[in-house]
Amino acid sequence: MLAGQVPILVLKEGTERETGKNAQKNNIQAAKAISDAVRTTLGPKGMDKMLVDSLGDIVITNDGATILKEIDVQHPAAKMIVEVAKAQDMAVGDGTTTSVVLSGELLKQAEMLLDQNIHATIITNGYRMASQKALEILPQIAMKVSKNDTNVLKKIAMTAMTGKNIGPDRDYFADLVVKAVLTVAQEVEEKLKVDFDNIKIEKKAGGGVKDTELIDGIVLDKEKVHPRMPRQVKGAKIALLNEGLEIKKTEISAKIQIEDPTKIHEFLKEEENQLKEMVEKVAKAGANVVFTQKGIDDLAQHYLAKYNIYAARRIKKSDMESLAKATGAKIITNLDDLKESDLGMAEVVEELKIGNDYMTFVRGCKDPHAVSILIRGGTEHVIAEVERALQDAIKVVGVTLEEGLAVPGGGAVETELALKIRDFAHKVGGREQLAVEKFAEALEIVPRTLAENAGMDAISILMKLKSVHEEGKKNYGVDVLGNKIEDMLSLGVIEPVKVKSQAIESAMEVASMILRIDDVIASKKKEGQPGQGMPGQQPGMGGMQGMPGGMPEM
């Protein structure tokens, strides 16, 4: 600086800034650290992670999305990788680990190109061309799946649940999942649509995981409101009310003064008559079961029991909507409008004791557009893992029905894509060709990781896979249970095309976004905002803070 010149401060004091290759390298290192954290969980022989939060609550899982949701990530580039897993989980339910591992590998391959002084823009262009080609190839190598292919759908569900802690019961759960999804699937403009909200999942500790059951109706975590009501109602005619069976409070402030003691009895009698009238309207419509979103007065409960009507109160809005879809009932907001045609039907409504609590089961709905799965298990941790496995399986079966395409798993499709993208790279030419080739190489991380996690010789397996794929055996992948390469379709390892296309697309997008960052400006942290780590960690290591590159926290 020349003498006499005043320094110009553009950034606030305490702001840290990294530019150029330093910023790129640090971002890539952070993303790779996240990728490496979940990489060991990939595949049937993947390991589990135990996550302990600041309150000491434990989660044991190998589900990529759950792991990344639970850990407190500080690094901004690492947070972008976590978003990939969340997006994958929301869109298709499965393939979260694959998308994260692929993101990390794309960045690792890009790092080699950056070291050769190839500009980030050229790399991202090459990656984009390669991913577009991969998305073109996927439908060509896929097999068609319809709602009648229940055997294939079952295998897809089992593949999604592989590696989760439900082991030998996968077959049982796959049956439940396929039945549930096919029940709620609806045809819209000649295409199948699956609304996952129509599959209600309830959890109750106790019993074994094999006690988990599919109910062709709805399970409510509610009991009947009066002990004298019937415990079981066969041939149920169900009224769904959006109002309570109780005396409404006036909208404006009102005060009643009774001066004559004899009038108190009249006042109470009138209140009783009003409640009796409400119950009579329900009985007159022919209902023998009532579910209401609001309360039921003690006196109304007495009259309902007298009429032998089963009733439950304070039902959640989402459960009321599910009941309407399952039983065909209409939700009524005014009792005066209740007619017999508004009632829903079910073979039986009953109260059963599950574990330590009573629950209401609405079963035997004729054409239910909503169903329930009641998950049982010895402990809360087991139930939570079963729920994650079922959620993944439900989503993959749903997206398979919607798209109608599936591909072999076990790294078979990634090996085939890598082969075809390498051929495509020669046609690209220029420096982008190098990026396209690196994209193909990055895809091979999936079969490589599957082999590594199974304790196999990854290089040898990869060489054999490439060899058989060049011979045209496109369905061959890594058989981790047999420690060899095998035809994945014959083993029943099948995945939806949507899982693969979403993973490739989102991995490419996040890798490109991170590569294009050449300047990181981090504001000074406010006082008293330390990184929250997991118990037992050293200071400064909280929630993935101790990552290579020493990026400033944001």
Protein backbone atom coordinates (compact mmCIF):
# COMPACT_ATOMS: atom_id res chain seq x y z
CA MET A 1 0.00 0.00 0.00
CA LEU A 2 1.27 3.46 -0.91
CA ALA A 3 2.15 5.81 1.93
CA GLY A 4 -0.73 7.98 3.06
CA GLN A 5 -3.45 5.69 1.63
CA VAL A 6 -6.27 4.67 3.95
CA PRO A 7 -7.13 0.92 3.89
CA ILE A 8 -10.67 0.22 2.60
CA LEU A 9 -12.55 -2.28 4.73
CA VAL A 10 -15.18 -4.05 2.59
CA LEU A 11 -15.99 -6.91 4.96
CA LYS A 12 -17.02 -6.71 8.58
CA GLU A 13 -14.29 -7.22 11.16
CA GLY A 14 -13.88 -10.89 12.08
CA THR A 15 -15.17 -12.12 8.70
CA GLU A 16 -13.12 -14.97 7.27
CA ARG A 17 -12.64 -15.38 3.54
CA GLU A 18 -11.20 -18.10 1.35
CA THR A 19 -10.79 -17.75 -2.39
CA GLY A 20 -9.68 -19.68 -5.46
CA LYS A 21 -8.39 -23.23 -5.24
CA ASN A 22 -8.22 -23.12 -1.46
CA ALA A 23 -11.99 -22.59 -1.24
CA GLN A 24 -12.67 -25.33 -3.81
CA LYS A 25 -10.39 -27.82 -2.06
CA ASN A 26 -11.91 -27.18 1.38
CA ASN A 27 -15.47 -27.55 0.06
CA ILE A 28 -14.56 -30.80 -1.72
CA GLN A 29 -12.87 -32.16 1.44
CA ALA A 30 -15.94 -31.37 3.55
CA ALA A 31 -18.29 -33.04 1.05
CA LYS A 32 -16.02 -36.09 0.85
CA ALA A 33 -16.01 -36.35 4.67
CA ILE A 34 -19.82 -36.57 4.69
CA SER A 35 -19.74 -39.13 1.87
CA ASP A 36 -17.18 -41.27 3.72
CA ALA A 37 -19.27 -41.10 6.92
CA VAL A 38 -22.20 -42.96 5.28
CA ARG A 39 -20.28 -45.02 2.71
CA THR A 40 -19.82 -48.01 5.05
CA THR A 41 -23.62 -48.34 5.41
CA LEU A 42 -24.24 -49.14 1.70
CA GLY A 43 -25.60 -52.55 0.79
CA PRO A 44 -26.88 -55.65 2.63
CA LYS A 45 -23.62 -56.04 4.53
CA GLY A 46 -23.31 -52.33 5.35
CA MET A 47 -22.61 -51.43 8.96
CA ASP A 48 -24.92 -49.48 11.29
CA LYS A 49 -24.29 -46.13 12.98
CA MET A 50 -25.20 -45.33 16.57
CA LEU A 51 -26.22 -41.68 16.87
CA VAL A 52 -26.46 -40.11 20.33
CA ASP A 53 -28.03 -36.67 20.63
CA SER A 54 -27.40 -34.01 23.30
CA LEU A 55 -30.19 -35.48 25.48
CA GLY A 56 -28.68 -38.95 25.30
CA ASP A 57 -31.38 -40.38 23.01
CA ILE A 58 -30.05 -43.13 20.76
CA VAL A 59 -30.79 -43.92 17.11
CA ILE A 60 -29.28 -47.06 15.57
CA THR A 61 -29.63 -47.18 11.78
CA ASN A 62 -27.89 -47.58 8.44
CA ASP A 63 -30.39 -45.38 6.60
CA GLY A 64 -28.39 -42.56 4.96
CA ALA A 65 -31.11 -39.92 5.28
CA THR A 66 -31.66 -40.67 8.98
CA ILE A 67 -27.92 -40.55 9.75
CA LEU A 68 -27.46 -37.19 8.04
CA LYS A 69 -30.65 -35.80 9.60
CA GLU A 70 -29.48 -36.70 13.10
CA ILE A 71 -25.88 -35.42 12.98
CA ASP A 72 -25.31 -31.71 13.48
CA VAL A 73 -23.37 -30.69 10.36
CA GLN A 74 -21.60 -27.30 10.54
CA HIS A 75 -19.73 -26.97 7.26
CA PRO A 76 -21.77 -25.16 4.56
CA ALA A 77 -20.62 -27.44 1.70
CA ALA A 78 -21.33 -30.51 3.84
CA LYS A 79 -24.83 -29.14 4.50
CA MET A 80 -25.41 -29.12 0.72
CA ILE A 81 -24.63 -32.85 0.59
CA VAL A 82 -27.08 -33.46 3.46
CA GLU A 83 -29.75 -31.68 1.39
CA VAL A 84 -29.15 -34.21 -1.43
CA ALA A 85 -30.01 -37.07 0.95
CA LYS A 86 -33.14 -35.24 2.17
CA ALA A 87 -34.31 -34.56 -1.40
CA GLN A 88 -33.70 -38.21 -2.38
CA ASP A 89 -35.62 -39.42 0.67
CA MET A 90 -38.60 -37.15 -0.02
CA ALA A 91 -38.74 -37.96 -3.74
CA VAL A 92 -38.25 -41.72 -3.78
CA GLY A 93 -37.58 -42.94 -0.22
CA ASP A 94 -34.57 -45.08 -1.09
CA GLY A 95 -31.09 -44.53 -2.55
CA THR A 96 -30.09 -41.83 -0.04
CA THR A 97 -26.70 -43.41 0.70
CA THR A 98 -26.08 -43.98 -3.03
CA SER A 99 -26.77 -40.31 -3.87
CA VAL A 100 -24.41 -39.07 -1.12
CA VAL A 101 -21.62 -41.53 -1.98
CA LEU A 102 -21.96 -40.64 -5.67
CA SER A 103 -21.80 -36.89 -4.87
CA GLY A 104 -18.59 -37.42 -2.90
CA GLU A 105 -17.02 -39.54 -5.66
CA LEU A 106 -17.90 -37.00 -8.40
CA LEU A 107 -16.11 -34.33 -6.35
CA LYS A 108 -13.13 -36.63 -5.74
CA GLN A 109 -12.79 -37.25 -9.49
CA ALA A 110 -13.23 -33.51 -10.18
CA GLU A 111 -10.39 -32.76 -7.74
CA MET A 112 -8.00 -34.74 -9.96
CA LEU A 113 -9.06 -32.69 -12.98
CA LEU A 114 -8.67 -29.43 -11.04
CA ASP A 115 -5.09 -30.50 -10.21
CA GLN A 116 -4.50 -30.79 -13.97
CA ASN A 117 -5.59 -27.13 -14.32
CA ILE A 118 -8.90 -27.99 -16.01
CA HIS A 119 -11.40 -25.25 -15.24
CA ALA A 120 -14.39 -26.03 -12.99
CA THR A 121 -16.82 -24.83 -15.70
CA ILE A 122 -15.47 -27.41 -18.17
CA ILE A 123 -15.83 -30.15 -15.52
CA THR A 124 -19.42 -29.17 -14.70
CA ASN A 125 -20.31 -29.06 -18.42
CA GLY A 126 -18.87 -32.55 -18.88
CA TYR A 127 -20.75 -33.83 -15.83
CA ARG A 128 -24.00 -32.36 -17.10
CA MET A 129 -23.59 -33.99 -20.53
CA ALA A 130 -22.75 -37.34 -18.91
CA SER A 131 -25.74 -37.25 -16.53
CA GLN A 132 -28.12 -36.37 -19.39
CA LYS A 133 -26.76 -39.34 -21.33
CA ALA A 134 -27.20 -41.59 -18.26
CA LEU A 135 -30.85 -40.48 -17.90
CA GLU A 136 -31.39 -41.28 -21.61
CA ILE A 137 -29.84 -44.75 -21.27
CA LEU A 138 -31.71 -45.77 -18.07
CA PRO A 139 -35.19 -46.31 -19.66
CA GLN A 140 -33.55 -48.25 -22.53
CA ILE A 141 -31.99 -50.84 -20.20
CA ALA A 142 -35.00 -50.98 -17.84
CA MET A 143 -37.76 -53.59 -17.64
CA LYS A 144 -41.46 -52.69 -17.61
CA VAL A 145 -43.45 -53.31 -14.41
CA SER A 146 -47.25 -53.18 -14.06
CA LYS A 147 -49.57 -53.52 -11.06
CA ASN A 148 -50.13 -57.19 -11.98
CA ASP A 149 -46.42 -58.00 -11.52
CA THR A 150 -46.82 -58.50 -7.77
CA ASN A 151 -43.83 -60.85 -7.64
CA VAL A 152 -41.53 -58.16 -9.12
CA LEU A 153 -43.01 -55.48 -6.85
CA LYS A 154 -42.36 -57.74 -3.86
CA LYS A 155 -38.70 -58.15 -4.90
CA ILE A 156 -38.38 -54.36 -5.27
CA ALA A 157 -39.75 -53.93 -1.71
CA MET A 158 -37.33 -56.57 -0.38
CA THR A 159 -34.38 -54.89 -2.12
CA ALA A 160 -35.27 -51.56 -0.46
CA MET A 161 -35.39 -53.24 2.95
CA THR A 162 -32.08 -55.10 2.49
CA GLY A 163 -29.53 -54.15 5.10
CA LYS A 164 -32.14 -52.86 7.55
CA ASN A 165 -32.38 -54.67 10.89
CA ILE A 166 -35.41 -56.78 9.97
CA GLY A 167 -33.37 -59.67 8.56
CA PRO A 168 -35.37 -62.86 7.90
CA ASP A 169 -38.74 -61.09 8.05
CA ARG A 170 -38.21 -59.14 4.80
CA ASP A 171 -40.48 -61.52 2.88
CA TYR A 172 -43.35 -60.99 5.34
CA PHE A 173 -42.98 -57.18 5.28
CA ALA A 174 -42.66 -57.06 1.47
CA ASP A 175 -46.07 -58.79 1.21
CA LEU A 176 -47.62 -56.21 3.55
CA VAL A 177 -46.11 -53.31 1.61
CA VAL A 178 -47.21 -54.51 -1.84
CA LYS A 179 -50.77 -55.18 -0.62
CA ALA A 180 -50.94 -51.76 1.05
CA VAL A 181 -49.63 -49.85 -2.00
CA LEU A 182 -51.86 -51.73 -4.49
CA THR A 183 -54.90 -51.03 -2.27
CA VAL A 184 -54.39 -47.25 -2.22
CA ALA A 185 -53.11 -46.90 -5.83
CA GLN A 186 -55.63 -45.08 -8.01
CA GLU A 187 -55.83 -44.67 -11.77
CA VAL A 188 -55.75 -41.03 -12.87
CA GLU A 189 -55.84 -40.35 -16.64
CA GLU A 190 -54.74 -43.94 -17.39
CA LYS A 191 -51.75 -43.61 -15.05
CA LEU A 192 -51.41 -45.05 -11.57
CA LYS A 193 -50.95 -42.57 -8.73
CA VAL A 194 -50.03 -43.46 -5.16
CA ASP A 195 -50.71 -41.02 -2.32
CA PHE A 196 -48.40 -42.22 0.46
CA ASP A 197 -50.42 -40.31 3.07
CA ASN A 198 -53.18 -42.90 2.54
CA ILE A 199 -51.00 -45.56 4.17
CA LYS A 200 -51.21 -44.79 7.89
CA ILE A 201 -48.48 -46.20 10.10
CA GLU A 202 -49.15 -46.77 13.81
CA LYS A 203 -46.51 -48.08 16.24
CA LYS A 204 -46.93 -49.95 19.52
CA ALA A 205 -44.15 -51.57 21.55
CA GLY A 206 -44.70 -55.17 22.58
CA GLY A 207 -44.82 -58.51 20.79
CA GLY A 208 -42.48 -59.44 17.96
CA VAL A 209 -41.94 -57.73 14.61
CA LYS A 210 -43.93 -60.59 13.00
CA ASP A 211 -47.00 -59.28 14.89
CA THR A 212 -46.95 -56.26 12.55
CA GLU A 213 -50.15 -56.36 10.52
CA LEU A 214 -51.91 -54.67 7.62
CA ILE A 215 -55.46 -53.53 8.37
CA ASP A 216 -57.86 -53.05 5.44
CA GLY A 217 -59.13 -49.94 7.15
CA ILE A 218 -57.83 -47.60 9.84
CA VAL A 219 -56.26 -48.02 13.29
CA LEU A 220 -56.85 -45.19 15.74
CA ASP A 221 -54.82 -44.64 18.88
CA LYS A 222 -58.12 -43.96 20.71
CA GLU A 223 -60.45 -45.89 22.99
CA LYS A 224 -64.25 -45.79 23.32
CA VAL A 225 -65.42 -42.90 25.49
CA HIS A 226 -67.80 -44.83 27.79
CA PRO A 227 -67.34 -48.23 29.48
CA ARG A 228 -70.94 -49.30 28.70
CA MET A 229 -70.51 -48.87 24.97
CA PRO A 230 -70.14 -52.11 22.95
CA ARG A 231 -66.53 -53.29 22.59
CA GLN A 232 -67.25 -54.59 19.09
CA VAL A 233 -69.73 -53.42 16.44
CA LYS A 234 -70.32 -55.70 13.46
CA GLY A 235 -71.80 -54.26 10.26
CA ALA A 236 -70.62 -50.82 11.34
CA LYS A 237 -72.34 -47.71 9.96
CA ILE A 238 -69.93 -44.90 10.70
CA ALA A 239 -70.69 -41.19 11.18
CA LEU A 240 -67.76 -38.77 10.97
CA LEU A 241 -68.44 -35.48 12.72
CA ASN A 242 -66.44 -32.30 12.52
CA GLU A 243 -68.33 -30.93 15.53
CA GLY A 244 -68.58 -32.05 19.13
CA LEU A 245 -71.50 -33.68 20.89
CA GLU A 246 -71.49 -31.02 23.59
CA ILE A 247 -73.17 -27.70 24.38
CA LYS A 248 -71.52 -25.00 22.29
CA LYS A 249 -70.22 -21.89 23.96
CA THR A 250 -71.64 -18.66 22.58
CA GLU A 251 -69.43 -16.62 20.26
CA ILE A 252 -70.02 -13.50 22.35
CA SER A 253 -69.60 -13.14 26.12
CA ALA A 254 -72.91 -14.04 27.74
CA LYS A 255 -74.04 -14.22 31.35
CA ILE A 256 -77.09 -16.09 32.68
CA GLN A 257 -78.53 -15.11 36.07
CA ILE A 258 -80.97 -17.50 37.72
CA GLU A 259 -82.81 -15.93 40.65
CA ASP A 260 -85.44 -18.61 41.23
CA PRO A 261 -83.94 -21.91 42.53
CA THR A 262 -86.63 -23.90 40.71
CA LYS A 263 -85.35 -22.54 37.39
CA ILE A 264 -81.96 -24.28 37.89
CA HIS A 265 -83.62 -27.63 37.30
CA GLU A 266 -85.30 -26.30 34.12
CA PHE A 267 -81.98 -24.94 32.87
CA LEU A 268 -80.20 -28.27 33.43
CA LYS A 269 -83.13 -30.15 31.89
CA GLU A 270 -82.91 -28.00 28.73
CA GLU A 271 -79.16 -28.70 28.48
CA GLU A 272 -79.87 -32.42 28.87
CA ASN A 273 -82.57 -32.30 26.19
CA GLN A 274 -80.20 -30.61 23.74
CA LEU A 275 -77.57 -33.33 24.21
CA LYS A 276 -80.24 -36.04 23.97
CA GLU A 277 -81.49 -34.51 20.69
CA MET A 278 -77.95 -34.57 19.25
CA VAL A 279 -77.57 -38.26 20.03
CA GLU A 280 -81.07 -39.00 18.64
CA LYS A 281 -80.09 -37.35 15.34
CA VAL A 282 -77.09 -39.69 15.12
CA ALA A 283 -79.24 -42.73 15.97
CA LYS A 284 -82.01 -41.64 13.53
CA ALA A 285 -79.49 -41.52 10.66
CA GLY A 286 -78.74 -45.19 11.39
CA ALA A 287 -75.20 -44.76 12.72
CA ASN A 288 -73.89 -47.28 15.26
CA VAL A 289 -70.34 -45.84 15.34
CA VAL A 290 -69.41 -42.15 15.80
CA PHE A 291 -66.00 -40.55 15.40
CA THR A 292 -65.76 -36.86 16.18
CA GLN A 293 -62.93 -34.36 15.81
CA LYS A 294 -64.08 -32.52 18.93
CA GLY A 295 -65.36 -33.46 22.39
CA ILE A 296 -68.28 -35.58 23.62
CA ASP A 297 -70.10 -34.40 26.76
CA ASP A 298 -70.41 -36.90 29.66
CA LEU A 299 -74.19 -36.87 29.31
CA ALA A 300 -73.98 -37.40 25.54
CA GLN A 301 -71.68 -40.38 26.25
CA HIS A 302 -74.40 -41.83 28.50
CA TYR A 303 -77.07 -41.51 25.79
CA LEU A 304 -74.76 -42.93 23.10
CA ALA A 305 -74.11 -45.96 25.35
CA LYS A 306 -77.89 -46.30 25.84
CA TYR A 307 -78.37 -46.45 22.06
CA ASN A 308 -75.52 -49.02 21.85
CA ILE A 309 -73.41 -46.65 19.73
CA TYR A 310 -69.61 -46.94 19.78
CA ALA A 311 -67.95 -43.50 19.98
CA ALA A 312 -64.42 -42.05 20.05
CA ARG A 313 -63.53 -38.37 20.33
CA ARG A 314 -60.77 -35.85 19.51
CA ILE A 315 -59.70 -37.70 16.36
CA LYS A 316 -56.94 -35.94 14.39
CA LYS A 317 -57.97 -34.21 11.16
CA SER A 318 -55.63 -36.42 9.11
CA ASP A 319 -57.18 -39.54 10.68
CA MET A 320 -60.68 -38.27 9.93
CA GLU A 321 -59.71 -37.83 6.28
CA SER A 322 -58.21 -41.34 6.22
CA LEU A 323 -61.42 -42.74 7.77
CA ALA A 324 -63.47 -41.00 5.09
CA LYS A 325 -61.31 -42.53 2.33
CA ALA A 326 -61.37 -45.99 3.91
CA THR A 327 -65.07 -46.25 4.79
CA GLY A 328 -66.66 -43.98 2.17
CA ALA A 329 -68.20 -41.74 4.88
CA LYS A 330 -68.63 -37.98 4.49
CA ILE A 331 -67.28 -35.65 7.18
CA ILE A 332 -70.28 -33.72 8.53
CA THR A 333 -69.91 -30.26 10.04
CA ASN A 334 -73.56 -29.85 11.09
CA LEU A 335 -75.54 -32.62 12.80
CA ASP A 336 -78.79 -31.44 11.17
CA ASP A 337 -77.32 -32.43 7.78
CA LEU A 338 -76.50 -36.02 8.81
CA LYS A 339 -78.27 -38.55 6.56
CA GLU A 340 -77.94 -42.31 6.10
CA SER A 341 -76.16 -41.76 2.76
CA ASP A 342 -73.38 -39.87 4.60
CA LEU A 343 -72.44 -42.90 6.68
CA GLY A 344 -69.42 -45.07 5.98
CA MET A 345 -69.34 -48.87 6.09
CA ALA A 346 -67.00 -51.37 7.72
CA GLU A 347 -67.39 -55.04 8.61
CA VAL A 348 -66.33 -54.44 12.17
CA VAL A 349 -65.26 -51.63 14.52
CA GLU A 350 -63.67 -52.89 17.72
CA GLU A 351 -61.58 -51.83 20.67
CA LEU A 352 -58.54 -54.02 21.34
CA LYS A 353 -55.80 -53.84 23.95
CA ILE A 354 -52.42 -53.51 22.23
CA GLY A 355 -49.51 -53.47 24.66
CA ASN A 356 -50.70 -51.34 27.57
CA ASP A 357 -53.14 -49.19 25.58
CA TYR A 358 -56.53 -49.61 23.99
CA MET A 359 -56.85 -48.87 20.26
CA THR A 360 -59.81 -48.70 17.88
CA PHE A 361 -59.70 -50.87 14.75
CA VAL A 362 -61.92 -50.15 11.76
CA ARG A 363 -61.65 -53.29 9.61
CA GLY A 364 -63.18 -54.88 6.53
CA CYS A 365 -63.82 -51.76 4.47
CA LYS A 366 -65.17 -52.77 1.04
CA ASP A 367 -63.08 -50.59 -1.26
CA PRO A 368 -60.65 -48.76 1.05
CA HIS A 369 -58.59 -45.94 -0.47
CA ALA A 370 -56.70 -45.71 2.83
CA VAL A 371 -55.17 -48.51 4.92
CA SER A 372 -53.12 -48.86 8.11
CA ILE A 373 -50.04 -50.79 9.13
CA LEU A 374 -49.65 -51.46 12.85
CA ILE A 375 -45.96 -52.01 13.66
CA ARG A 376 -45.03 -54.15 16.65
CA GLY A 377 -41.62 -54.90 18.13
CA GLY A 378 -39.77 -55.64 21.35
CA THR A 379 -38.30 -52.16 21.84
CA GLU A 380 -38.78 -48.62 20.54
CA HIS A 381 -35.45 -48.87 18.64
CA VAL A 382 -36.58 -52.01 16.79
CA ILE A 383 -39.94 -50.41 15.92
CA ALA A 384 -38.22 -47.24 14.64
CA GLU A 385 -35.95 -49.29 12.35
CA VAL A 386 -38.92 -51.36 11.06
CA GLU A 387 -40.78 -48.12 10.36
CA ARG A 388 -37.83 -46.73 8.36
CA ALA A 389 -37.62 -49.97 6.36
CA LEU A 390 -41.36 -49.94 5.63
CA GLN A 391 -41.37 -46.25 4.66
CA ASP A 392 -38.55 -46.89 2.16
CA ALA A 393 -40.27 -49.97 0.73
CA ILE A 394 -43.67 -48.24 0.44
CA LYS A 395 -42.14 -45.34 -1.49
CA VAL A 396 -40.10 -47.48 -3.90
CA VAL A 397 -43.08 -49.72 -4.72
CA GLY A 398 -45.21 -46.58 -5.20
CA VAL A 399 -42.75 -44.86 -7.57
CA THR A 400 -42.31 -48.14 -9.50
CA LEU A 401 -46.08 -48.33 -10.06
CA GLU A 402 -46.20 -44.67 -11.13
CA GLU A 403 -43.27 -44.89 -13.54
CA GLY A 404 -43.60 -48.56 -14.51
CA LEU A 405 -39.86 -49.14 -14.92
CA ALA A 406 -37.28 -51.08 -12.90
CA VAL A 407 -33.60 -52.02 -13.25
CA PRO A 408 -31.32 -54.66 -11.65
CA GLY A 409 -29.58 -53.55 -8.44
CA GLY A 410 -26.29 -54.66 -6.91
CA GLY A 411 -24.27 -52.14 -8.93
CA ALA A 412 -25.33 -53.75 -12.25
CA VAL A 413 -26.99 -50.65 -13.64
CA GLU A 414 -24.09 -48.37 -12.58
CA THR A 415 -21.56 -50.69 -14.29
CA GLU A 416 -23.64 -50.73 -17.49
CA LEU A 417 -24.04 -46.93 -17.42
CA ALA A 418 -20.29 -46.46 -16.86
CA LEU A 419 -19.57 -48.66 -19.90
CA LYS A 420 -21.98 -46.77 -22.17
CA ILE A 421 -20.87 -43.31 -20.92
CA ARG A 422 -17.22 -44.19 -21.64
CA ASP A 423 -18.24 -44.96 -25.26
CA PHE A 424 -20.13 -41.66 -25.35
CA ALA A 425 -17.05 -39.76 -24.05
CA HIS A 426 -15.12 -40.48 -27.28
CA LYS A 427 -17.83 -38.69 -29.26
CA VAL A 428 -17.72 -35.62 -27.00
CA GLY A 429 -14.11 -34.60 -27.68
CA GLY A 430 -12.34 -31.60 -26.18
CA ARG A 431 -11.56 -31.23 -22.50
CA GLU A 432 -15.15 -32.09 -21.57
CA GLN A 433 -14.32 -35.66 -22.65
CA LEU A 434 -12.08 -35.99 -19.56
CA ALA A 435 -14.96 -34.93 -17.28
CA VAL A 436 -17.37 -37.38 -18.98
CA GLU A 437 -14.85 -40.20 -18.43
CA LYS A 438 -14.47 -39.20 -14.77
CA PHE A 439 -18.27 -39.28 -14.41
CA ALA A 440 -18.25 -42.87 -15.72
CA GLU A 441 -15.48 -43.73 -13.25
CA ALA A 442 -17.46 -42.14 -10.39
CA LEU A 443 -20.48 -44.37 -11.14
CA GLU A 444 -18.32 -47.43 -10.40
CA ILE A 445 -18.12 -46.34 -6.74
CA VAL A 446 -21.45 -48.16 -6.13
CA PRO A 447 -20.33 -51.73 -7.07
CA ARG A 448 -16.88 -51.00 -5.55
CA THR A 449 -18.39 -49.96 -2.20
CA LEU A 450 -20.82 -52.91 -2.16
CA ALA A 451 -17.84 -55.26 -2.62
CA GLU A 452 -15.70 -53.46 0.00
CA ASN A 453 -18.50 -53.51 2.60
CA ALA A 454 -18.89 -57.26 2.06
CA GLY A 455 -15.16 -57.83 2.61
CA MET A 456 -14.56 -58.83 -1.03
CA ASP A 457 -11.63 -57.91 -3.27
CA ALA A 458 -13.16 -54.77 -4.81
CA ILE A 459 -10.67 -54.38 -7.71
CA SER A 460 -11.01 -58.02 -8.78
CA ILE A 461 -14.83 -57.84 -8.61
CA LEU A 462 -14.89 -54.59 -10.60
CA MET A 463 -12.67 -56.09 -13.34
CA LYS A 464 -14.91 -59.18 -13.62
CA LEU A 465 -18.04 -56.99 -13.74
CA LYS A 466 -16.66 -54.82 -16.54
CA SER A 467 -15.67 -57.95 -18.46
CA VAL A 468 -19.13 -59.60 -18.31
CA HIS A 469 -20.89 -56.32 -19.14
CA GLU A 470 -18.72 -55.95 -22.23
CA GLU A 471 -19.97 -59.42 -23.22
CA GLY A 472 -23.54 -58.06 -23.05
CA LYS A 473 -24.57 -59.49 -19.66
CA LYS A 474 -26.08 -56.19 -18.48
CA ASN A 475 -27.93 -57.65 -15.46
CA TYR A 476 -24.80 -58.84 -13.65
CA GLY A 477 -23.93 -57.13 -10.37
CA VAL A 478 -22.25 -57.79 -7.00
CA ASP A 479 -23.77 -60.74 -5.12
CA VAL A 480 -22.63 -59.72 -1.64
CA LEU A 481 -24.23 -62.74 0.03
CA GLY A 482 -22.54 -65.23 -2.29
CA ASN A 483 -19.25 -63.26 -2.54
CA LYS A 484 -19.30 -63.33 -6.35
CA ILE A 485 -20.85 -61.61 -9.37
CA GLU A 486 -24.26 -62.86 -10.42
CA ASP A 487 -27.37 -62.05 -12.51
CA MET A 488 -29.26 -59.64 -10.23
CA LEU A 489 -32.68 -60.35 -11.78
CA SER A 490 -32.35 -64.05 -11.00
CA LEU A 491 -31.44 -63.13 -7.39
CA GLY A 492 -34.45 -60.78 -7.20
CA VAL A 493 -32.37 -57.65 -6.58
CA ILE A 494 -34.46 -55.04 -8.41
CA GLU A 495 -34.78 -51.26 -7.97
CA PRO A 496 -37.00 -48.58 -9.54
CA VAL A 497 -35.49 -46.49 -12.35
CA LYS A 498 -36.67 -43.39 -10.45
CA VAL A 499 -34.30 -44.16 -7.53
CA LYS A 500 -31.31 -44.31 -9.89
CA SER A 501 -32.26 -41.29 -12.03
CA GLN A 502 -32.94 -39.14 -8.95
CA ALA A 503 -29.61 -40.16 -7.35
CA ILE A 504 -27.60 -39.42 -10.53
CA GLU A 505 -29.34 -36.12 -11.20
CA SER A 506 -29.13 -34.75 -7.65
CA ALA A 507 -25.50 -35.93 -7.20
CA MET A 508 -24.49 -34.20 -10.44
CA GLU A 509 -26.30 -30.99 -9.47
CA VAL A 510 -24.75 -30.69 -6.01
CA ALA A 511 -21.25 -31.61 -7.28
CA SER A 512 -21.53 -28.95 -10.00
CA MET A 513 -22.75 -26.38 -7.49
CA ILE A 514 -19.87 -27.04 -5.06
CA LEU A 515 -17.29 -27.00 -7.89
CA ARG A 516 -18.45 -23.59 -9.10
CA ILE A 517 -17.80 -21.97 -5.69
CA ASP A 518 -14.43 -20.18 -5.68
CA ASP A 519 -15.04 -17.72 -2.85
CA VAL A 520 -16.32 -18.48 0.67
CA ILE A 521 -17.09 -15.53 2.94
CA ALA A 522 -17.97 -16.56 6.48
CA SER A 523 -19.34 -14.02 8.97
CA LYS A 524 -17.95 -13.89 12.47
CA LYS A 525 -19.90 -16.12 14.84
CA LYS A 526 -21.87 -14.44 17.60
CA GLU A 527 -20.74 -14.89 21.18
CA GLY A 528 -21.95 -18.04 22.93
CA GLN A 529 -22.60 -20.07 19.77
CA PRO A 530 -20.31 -23.09 20.06
CA GLY A 531 -20.78 -26.08 17.74
CA GLN A 532 -23.06 -28.63 19.35
CA GLY A 533 -21.28 -31.96 19.19
CA MET A 534 -22.37 -35.43 20.20
CA PRO A 535 -21.66 -36.46 23.79
CA GLY A 536 -18.13 -37.64 24.35
CA GLN A 537 -16.62 -35.54 21.56
CA GLN A 538 -13.68 -33.28 22.03
CA PRO A 539 -14.24 -29.52 21.76
CA GLY A 540 -14.21 -28.35 18.16
CA MET A 541 -15.35 -31.74 16.81
CA GLY A 542 -19.07 -31.10 17.31
CA GLY A 543 -21.26 -32.39 14.51
CA MET A 544 -18.71 -33.04 11.74
CA GLN A 545 -16.73 -29.88 12.56
CA GLY A 546 -13.38 -31.60 12.60
CA MET A 547 -13.36 -32.02 8.83
CA PRO A 548 -10.36 -31.55 6.59
CA GLY A 549 -9.74 -28.06 5.39
CA GLY A 550 -10.68 -26.23 8.61
CA MET A 551 -13.56 -24.34 6.95
CA PRO A 552 -15.03 -21.56 9.08
CA GLU A 553 -18.36 -22.42 10.67
CA MET A 554 -21.48 -20.69 9.41
